Amino acid sequence: MTKIRVSTVLNSVNDGITKFEGIGILKDKKIIFFENNIKVIIAFDSNNLTVNRVSDEYTILLQFENSLTKEGNYDIKCVSIQIPIKTSTSVLKILDNTIHVEYELELGGVSNGKFIYDIDYEVV
């Protein structure tokens, strides 16, 4: 388990830019950190990326693989509703200390637009 500094930038056509900087851990190709009381687990290998966001109210699972559409889930805990998510990945680059993904998101059959998500991390 290695302590890391994490920086993320999510750019959405509809919602603009959301940035986060904080401290997390890197363990077995997983980056784990808390973003405003939301536990974020980012698992990756050379071709795949999984982003899991867990709070008291919901869990979101997003999966990415270059040039493919993958299924995920949005679980709203208080009302026991699960909404299917599809991510269509156009670009996925996983390099040393940086991950870049460009994708389109579909939530419950409705397009939510295009997104760019950049994750940078370094050992502290």
N, C-alpha and C. Protein backbone atom coordinates (compact mmCIF):
# COMPACT_ATOMS: atom_id res chain seq x y z
N MET A 1 0.85 -1.17 0.00
CA MET A 1 0.00 0.00 0.00
C MET A 1 0.90 1.24 0.00
N THR A 2 0.70 2.10 -0.97
CA THR A 2 1.52 3.28 -1.16
C THR A 2 0.66 4.53 -1.09
N LYS A 3 1.10 5.51 -0.31
CA LYS A 3 0.39 6.79 -0.22
C LYS A 3 0.68 7.61 -1.47
N ILE A 4 -0.40 8.17 -2.06
CA ILE A 4 -0.25 8.94 -3.30
C ILE A 4 -1.02 10.25 -3.23
N ARG A 5 -0.61 11.18 -4.07
CA ARG A 5 -1.38 12.41 -4.30
C ARG A 5 -2.17 12.19 -5.59
N VAL A 6 -3.47 12.43 -5.53
CA VAL A 6 -4.37 12.18 -6.65
C VAL A 6 -4.93 13.51 -7.16
N SER A 7 -4.97 13.64 -8.47
CA SER A 7 -5.58 14.81 -9.10
C SER A 7 -6.48 14.30 -10.22
N THR A 8 -7.77 14.72 -10.19
CA THR A 8 -8.69 14.30 -11.24
C THR A 8 -9.35 15.53 -11.86
N VAL A 9 -9.65 15.40 -13.14
CA VAL A 9 -10.40 16.43 -13.86
C VAL A 9 -11.44 15.72 -14.70
N LEU A 10 -12.71 16.05 -14.46
CA LEU A 10 -13.80 15.51 -15.26
C LEU A 10 -14.39 16.66 -16.06
N ASN A 11 -14.35 16.52 -17.37
CA ASN A 11 -14.85 17.55 -18.27
C ASN A 11 -16.09 17.00 -18.97
N SER A 12 -17.23 17.66 -18.74
CA SER A 12 -18.49 17.25 -19.33
C SER A 12 -19.01 18.36 -20.23
N VAL A 13 -19.51 17.98 -21.40
CA VAL A 13 -20.08 18.96 -22.31
C VAL A 13 -21.23 19.69 -21.64
N ASN A 14 -22.04 18.97 -20.85
CA ASN A 14 -23.22 19.56 -20.22
C ASN A 14 -22.92 20.29 -18.91
N ASP A 15 -21.99 19.77 -18.10
CA ASP A 15 -21.78 20.30 -16.75
C ASP A 15 -20.46 21.03 -16.54
N GLY A 16 -19.62 21.13 -17.54
CA GLY A 16 -18.36 21.83 -17.39
C GLY A 16 -17.29 20.97 -16.73
N ILE A 17 -16.36 21.62 -16.03
CA ILE A 17 -15.19 20.96 -15.47
C ILE A 17 -15.33 20.80 -13.96
N THR A 18 -15.05 19.59 -13.47
CA THR A 18 -15.01 19.30 -12.04
C THR A 18 -13.62 18.79 -11.71
N LYS A 19 -12.95 19.45 -10.74
CA LYS A 19 -11.59 19.07 -10.36
C LYS A 19 -11.55 18.56 -8.93
N PHE A 20 -10.60 17.66 -8.66
CA PHE A 20 -10.36 17.16 -7.32
C PHE A 20 -8.86 16.96 -7.13
N GLU A 21 -8.37 17.33 -5.95
CA GLU A 21 -6.99 17.04 -5.56
C GLU A 21 -7.01 16.57 -4.13
N GLY A 22 -6.29 15.47 -3.85
CA GLY A 22 -6.26 14.96 -2.49
C GLY A 22 -5.26 13.83 -2.35
N ILE A 23 -5.33 13.17 -1.21
CA ILE A 23 -4.42 12.08 -0.88
C ILE A 23 -5.20 10.77 -0.95
N GLY A 24 -4.56 9.73 -1.46
CA GLY A 24 -5.17 8.42 -1.54
C GLY A 24 -4.12 7.35 -1.37
N ILE A 25 -4.50 6.13 -1.71
CA ILE A 25 -3.55 5.02 -1.66
C ILE A 25 -3.58 4.27 -2.99
N LEU A 26 -2.46 3.66 -3.32
CA LEU A 26 -2.32 2.82 -4.49
C LEU A 26 -1.98 1.42 -3.99
N LYS A 27 -2.82 0.46 -4.36
CA LYS A 27 -2.60 -0.92 -3.93
C LYS A 27 -3.10 -1.87 -5.02
N ASP A 28 -2.22 -2.71 -5.52
CA ASP A 28 -2.60 -3.73 -6.50
C ASP A 28 -3.38 -3.17 -7.68
N LYS A 29 -2.85 -2.15 -8.33
CA LYS A 29 -3.48 -1.52 -9.49
C LYS A 29 -4.85 -0.94 -9.17
N LYS A 30 -5.02 -0.48 -7.91
CA LYS A 30 -6.22 0.23 -7.49
C LYS A 30 -5.83 1.53 -6.82
N ILE A 31 -6.49 2.60 -7.21
CA ILE A 31 -6.35 3.90 -6.57
C ILE A 31 -7.60 4.10 -5.72
N ILE A 32 -7.40 4.40 -4.44
CA ILE A 32 -8.52 4.56 -3.53
C ILE A 32 -8.39 5.91 -2.82
N PHE A 33 -9.46 6.71 -2.86
CA PHE A 33 -9.45 8.00 -2.17
C PHE A 33 -10.87 8.42 -1.85
N PHE A 34 -11.01 9.43 -1.01
CA PHE A 34 -12.32 9.99 -0.68
C PHE A 34 -12.46 11.37 -1.29
N GLU A 35 -13.57 11.57 -1.99
CA GLU A 35 -13.88 12.85 -2.61
C GLU A 35 -15.22 13.32 -2.03
N ASN A 36 -15.15 14.25 -1.08
CA ASN A 36 -16.37 14.77 -0.43
C ASN A 36 -17.28 13.65 0.09
N ASN A 37 -16.76 12.82 0.97
CA ASN A 37 -17.50 11.72 1.60
C ASN A 37 -17.93 10.62 0.62
N ILE A 38 -17.36 10.61 -0.56
CA ILE A 38 -17.62 9.56 -1.54
C ILE A 38 -16.32 8.76 -1.70
N LYS A 39 -16.41 7.46 -1.44
CA LYS A 39 -15.24 6.60 -1.63
C LYS A 39 -15.12 6.29 -3.12
N VAL A 40 -13.95 6.58 -3.67
CA VAL A 40 -13.69 6.35 -5.09
C VAL A 40 -12.64 5.26 -5.21
N ILE A 41 -12.98 4.22 -5.96
CA ILE A 41 -12.05 3.13 -6.21
C ILE A 41 -11.86 3.03 -7.71
N ILE A 42 -10.63 3.24 -8.16
CA ILE A 42 -10.30 3.19 -9.58
C ILE A 42 -9.37 2.00 -9.78
N ALA A 43 -9.86 0.99 -10.48
CA ALA A 43 -9.08 -0.22 -10.75
C ALA A 43 -8.71 -0.21 -12.23
N PHE A 44 -7.46 -0.62 -12.52
CA PHE A 44 -7.02 -0.57 -13.90
C PHE A 44 -5.97 -1.63 -14.20
N ASP A 45 -5.90 -1.99 -15.47
CA ASP A 45 -4.78 -2.75 -16.01
C ASP A 45 -4.46 -2.11 -17.36
N SER A 46 -3.75 -2.78 -18.21
CA SER A 46 -3.30 -2.13 -19.44
C SER A 46 -4.44 -1.81 -20.41
N ASN A 47 -5.58 -2.51 -20.31
CA ASN A 47 -6.65 -2.32 -21.29
C ASN A 47 -8.00 -1.95 -20.69
N ASN A 48 -8.15 -2.00 -19.38
CA ASN A 48 -9.45 -1.81 -18.74
C ASN A 48 -9.36 -0.82 -17.59
N LEU A 49 -10.47 -0.13 -17.39
CA LEU A 49 -10.58 0.82 -16.28
C LEU A 49 -11.97 0.64 -15.66
N THR A 50 -12.02 0.57 -14.34
CA THR A 50 -13.28 0.50 -13.61
C THR A 50 -13.28 1.61 -12.58
N VAL A 51 -14.34 2.41 -12.55
CA VAL A 51 -14.49 3.48 -11.56
C VAL A 51 -15.73 3.15 -10.73
N ASN A 52 -15.53 3.04 -9.43
CA ASN A 52 -16.61 2.74 -8.51
C ASN A 52 -16.69 3.89 -7.50
N ARG A 53 -17.84 4.55 -7.43
CA ARG A 53 -18.06 5.66 -6.50
C ARG A 53 -19.14 5.22 -5.50
N VAL A 54 -18.77 5.20 -4.21
CA VAL A 54 -19.66 4.67 -3.18
C VAL A 54 -19.92 5.73 -2.12
N SER A 55 -21.22 6.03 -1.89
CA SER A 55 -21.61 6.93 -0.81
C SER A 55 -22.71 6.25 -0.01
N ASP A 56 -23.20 6.92 1.03
CA ASP A 56 -24.32 6.38 1.80
C ASP A 56 -25.59 6.32 0.96
N GLU A 57 -25.72 7.20 -0.02
CA GLU A 57 -26.94 7.29 -0.82
C GLU A 57 -26.92 6.46 -2.10
N TYR A 58 -25.74 6.25 -2.68
CA TYR A 58 -25.68 5.57 -3.98
C TYR A 58 -24.34 4.89 -4.20
N THR A 59 -24.35 4.01 -5.20
CA THR A 59 -23.13 3.40 -5.72
C THR A 59 -23.20 3.50 -7.24
N ILE A 60 -22.11 3.98 -7.84
CA ILE A 60 -22.03 4.05 -9.30
C ILE A 60 -20.84 3.21 -9.75
N LEU A 61 -21.08 2.32 -10.70
CA LEU A 61 -20.03 1.50 -11.28
C LEU A 61 -19.94 1.81 -12.77
N LEU A 62 -18.77 2.29 -13.19
CA LEU A 62 -18.51 2.59 -14.59
C LEU A 62 -17.36 1.72 -15.07
N GLN A 63 -17.50 1.14 -16.26
CA GLN A 63 -16.44 0.30 -16.81
C GLN A 63 -16.06 0.82 -18.20
N PHE A 64 -14.76 0.78 -18.47
CA PHE A 64 -14.24 1.32 -19.73
C PHE A 64 -13.26 0.33 -20.37
N GLU A 65 -13.40 0.18 -21.67
CA GLU A 65 -12.43 -0.56 -22.46
C GLU A 65 -12.40 0.10 -23.83
N ASN A 66 -11.21 0.33 -24.34
CA ASN A 66 -11.02 1.09 -25.58
C ASN A 66 -11.91 0.57 -26.71
N SER A 67 -12.63 1.49 -27.35
CA SER A 67 -13.47 1.24 -28.52
C SER A 67 -14.64 0.30 -28.26
N LEU A 68 -15.01 0.10 -26.98
CA LEU A 68 -16.13 -0.78 -26.66
C LEU A 68 -17.18 -0.06 -25.81
N THR A 69 -18.39 -0.59 -25.84
CA THR A 69 -19.45 -0.14 -24.95
C THR A 69 -19.57 -1.16 -23.82
N LYS A 70 -19.48 -0.69 -22.58
CA LYS A 70 -19.53 -1.57 -21.40
C LYS A 70 -20.72 -1.18 -20.54
N GLU A 71 -21.22 -2.15 -19.79
CA GLU A 71 -22.35 -1.91 -18.91
C GLU A 71 -21.90 -1.68 -17.48
N GLY A 72 -22.60 -0.78 -16.80
CA GLY A 72 -22.36 -0.49 -15.40
C GLY A 72 -23.69 -0.37 -14.68
N ASN A 73 -23.66 0.29 -13.53
CA ASN A 73 -24.87 0.36 -12.73
C ASN A 73 -24.87 1.60 -11.84
N TYR A 74 -26.04 2.18 -11.66
CA TYR A 74 -26.27 3.28 -10.73
C TYR A 74 -27.30 2.78 -9.73
N ASP A 75 -26.86 2.51 -8.51
CA ASP A 75 -27.71 1.94 -7.47
C ASP A 75 -28.06 3.04 -6.47
N ILE A 76 -29.33 3.45 -6.45
CA ILE A 76 -29.80 4.45 -5.50
C ILE A 76 -30.32 3.69 -4.28
N LYS A 77 -29.58 3.75 -3.18
CA LYS A 77 -29.82 2.86 -2.04
C LYS A 77 -31.12 3.14 -1.30
N CYS A 78 -31.47 4.40 -1.08
CA CYS A 78 -32.62 4.72 -0.22
C CYS A 78 -33.96 4.26 -0.81
N VAL A 79 -34.03 4.14 -2.12
CA VAL A 79 -35.27 3.70 -2.76
C VAL A 79 -35.10 2.38 -3.52
N SER A 80 -33.95 1.75 -3.34
CA SER A 80 -33.67 0.45 -3.96
C SER A 80 -33.93 0.44 -5.46
N ILE A 81 -33.44 1.47 -6.14
CA ILE A 81 -33.57 1.55 -7.60
C ILE A 81 -32.21 1.34 -8.22
N GLN A 82 -32.16 0.50 -9.25
CA GLN A 82 -30.93 0.30 -10.01
C GLN A 82 -31.18 0.73 -11.45
N ILE A 83 -30.33 1.63 -11.92
CA ILE A 83 -30.46 2.16 -13.27
C ILE A 83 -29.25 1.69 -14.07
N PRO A 84 -29.47 1.06 -15.22
CA PRO A 84 -28.33 0.61 -16.03
C PRO A 84 -27.58 1.80 -16.64
N ILE A 85 -26.27 1.64 -16.69
CA ILE A 85 -25.39 2.64 -17.29
C ILE A 85 -24.61 1.97 -18.42
N LYS A 86 -24.46 2.69 -19.53
CA LYS A 86 -23.59 2.22 -20.61
C LYS A 86 -22.54 3.29 -20.88
N THR A 87 -21.29 2.87 -20.98
CA THR A 87 -20.21 3.78 -21.34
C THR A 87 -19.62 3.31 -22.67
N SER A 88 -19.59 4.21 -23.64
CA SER A 88 -18.97 3.94 -24.94
C SER A 88 -17.65 4.68 -24.98
N THR A 89 -16.56 3.93 -24.86
CA THR A 89 -15.23 4.52 -24.74
C THR A 89 -14.62 4.74 -26.12
N SER A 90 -14.21 5.98 -26.39
CA SER A 90 -13.54 6.29 -27.65
C SER A 90 -12.02 6.31 -27.48
N VAL A 91 -11.54 6.74 -26.30
CA VAL A 91 -10.10 6.78 -26.02
C VAL A 91 -9.87 6.32 -24.59
N LEU A 92 -8.94 5.38 -24.41
CA LEU A 92 -8.50 4.98 -23.08
C LEU A 92 -6.99 4.81 -23.12
N LYS A 93 -6.29 5.67 -22.37
CA LYS A 93 -4.83 5.61 -22.29
C LYS A 93 -4.45 5.44 -20.83
N ILE A 94 -3.77 4.34 -20.53
CA ILE A 94 -3.30 4.07 -19.18
C ILE A 94 -1.78 4.02 -19.24
N LEU A 95 -1.17 5.05 -18.68
CA LEU A 95 0.29 5.18 -18.69
C LEU A 95 0.80 5.23 -17.25
N ASP A 96 2.10 5.35 -17.07
CA ASP A 96 2.66 5.49 -15.73
C ASP A 96 2.13 6.76 -15.09
N ASN A 97 1.43 6.64 -13.98
CA ASN A 97 0.95 7.75 -13.16
C ASN A 97 -0.11 8.63 -13.81
N THR A 98 -0.70 8.18 -14.92
CA THR A 98 -1.75 8.97 -15.55
C THR A 98 -2.73 8.06 -16.31
N ILE A 99 -4.00 8.42 -16.23
CA ILE A 99 -5.06 7.70 -16.95
C ILE A 99 -5.92 8.74 -17.65
N HIS A 100 -6.22 8.49 -18.91
CA HIS A 100 -7.04 9.41 -19.70
C HIS A 100 -8.12 8.59 -20.38
N VAL A 101 -9.39 9.00 -20.21
CA VAL A 101 -10.49 8.29 -20.87
C VAL A 101 -11.48 9.31 -21.44
N GLU A 102 -11.92 9.05 -22.66
CA GLU A 102 -12.95 9.84 -23.31
C GLU A 102 -14.10 8.90 -23.63
N TYR A 103 -15.31 9.31 -23.24
CA TYR A 103 -16.44 8.39 -23.38
C TYR A 103 -17.76 9.13 -23.47
N GLU A 104 -18.77 8.38 -23.94
CA GLU A 104 -20.16 8.84 -23.91
C GLU A 104 -20.89 8.02 -22.87
N LEU A 105 -21.77 8.66 -22.12
CA LEU A 105 -22.48 8.02 -21.02
C LEU A 105 -23.98 7.96 -21.33
N GLU A 106 -24.54 6.78 -21.12
CA GLU A 106 -25.98 6.59 -21.27
C GLU A 106 -26.51 6.06 -19.94
N LEU A 107 -27.47 6.78 -19.37
CA LEU A 107 -28.04 6.43 -18.07
C LEU A 107 -29.52 6.10 -18.26
N GLY A 108 -29.88 4.84 -18.01
CA GLY A 108 -31.27 4.43 -18.18
C GLY A 108 -31.78 4.61 -19.59
N GLY A 109 -30.91 4.42 -20.57
CA GLY A 109 -31.31 4.54 -21.97
C GLY A 109 -31.30 5.96 -22.51
N VAL A 110 -30.91 6.94 -21.68
CA VAL A 110 -30.88 8.34 -22.10
C VAL A 110 -29.43 8.83 -22.14
N SER A 111 -29.05 9.45 -23.24
CA SER A 111 -27.68 9.96 -23.39
C SER A 111 -27.44 11.12 -22.42
N ASN A 112 -26.31 11.06 -21.73
CA ASN A 112 -25.89 12.15 -20.84
C ASN A 112 -24.73 12.94 -21.41
N GLY A 113 -24.35 12.66 -22.64
CA GLY A 113 -23.33 13.42 -23.32
C GLY A 113 -21.95 12.79 -23.27
N LYS A 114 -20.98 13.61 -23.69
CA LYS A 114 -19.59 13.17 -23.78
C LYS A 114 -18.81 13.68 -22.57
N PHE A 115 -17.84 12.88 -22.15
CA PHE A 115 -17.01 13.20 -20.99
C PHE A 115 -15.55 12.91 -21.30
N ILE A 116 -14.68 13.66 -20.63
CA ILE A 116 -13.25 13.40 -20.62
C ILE A 116 -12.83 13.35 -19.15
N TYR A 117 -12.18 12.25 -18.74
CA TYR A 117 -11.77 12.06 -17.35
C TYR A 117 -10.28 11.81 -17.32
N ASP A 118 -9.56 12.70 -16.61
CA ASP A 118 -8.11 12.56 -16.46
C ASP A 118 -7.78 12.32 -15.00
N ILE A 119 -6.95 11.33 -14.75
CA ILE A 119 -6.52 10.95 -13.41
C ILE A 119 -5.00 10.94 -13.39
N ASP A 120 -4.41 11.74 -12.53
CA ASP A 120 -2.96 11.76 -12.34
C ASP A 120 -2.68 11.42 -10.88
N TYR A 121 -1.59 10.67 -10.66
CA TYR A 121 -1.22 10.33 -9.30
C TYR A 121 0.30 10.22 -9.19
N GLU A 122 0.78 10.50 -7.98
CA GLU A 122 2.22 10.38 -7.72
C GLU A 122 2.44 9.98 -6.27
N VAL A 123 3.48 9.24 -6.04
CA VAL A 123 3.83 8.79 -4.70
C VAL A 123 4.29 10.00 -3.89
N VAL A 124 3.82 10.08 -2.64
CA VAL A 124 4.24 11.19 -1.75
C VAL A 124 5.08 10.66 -0.61
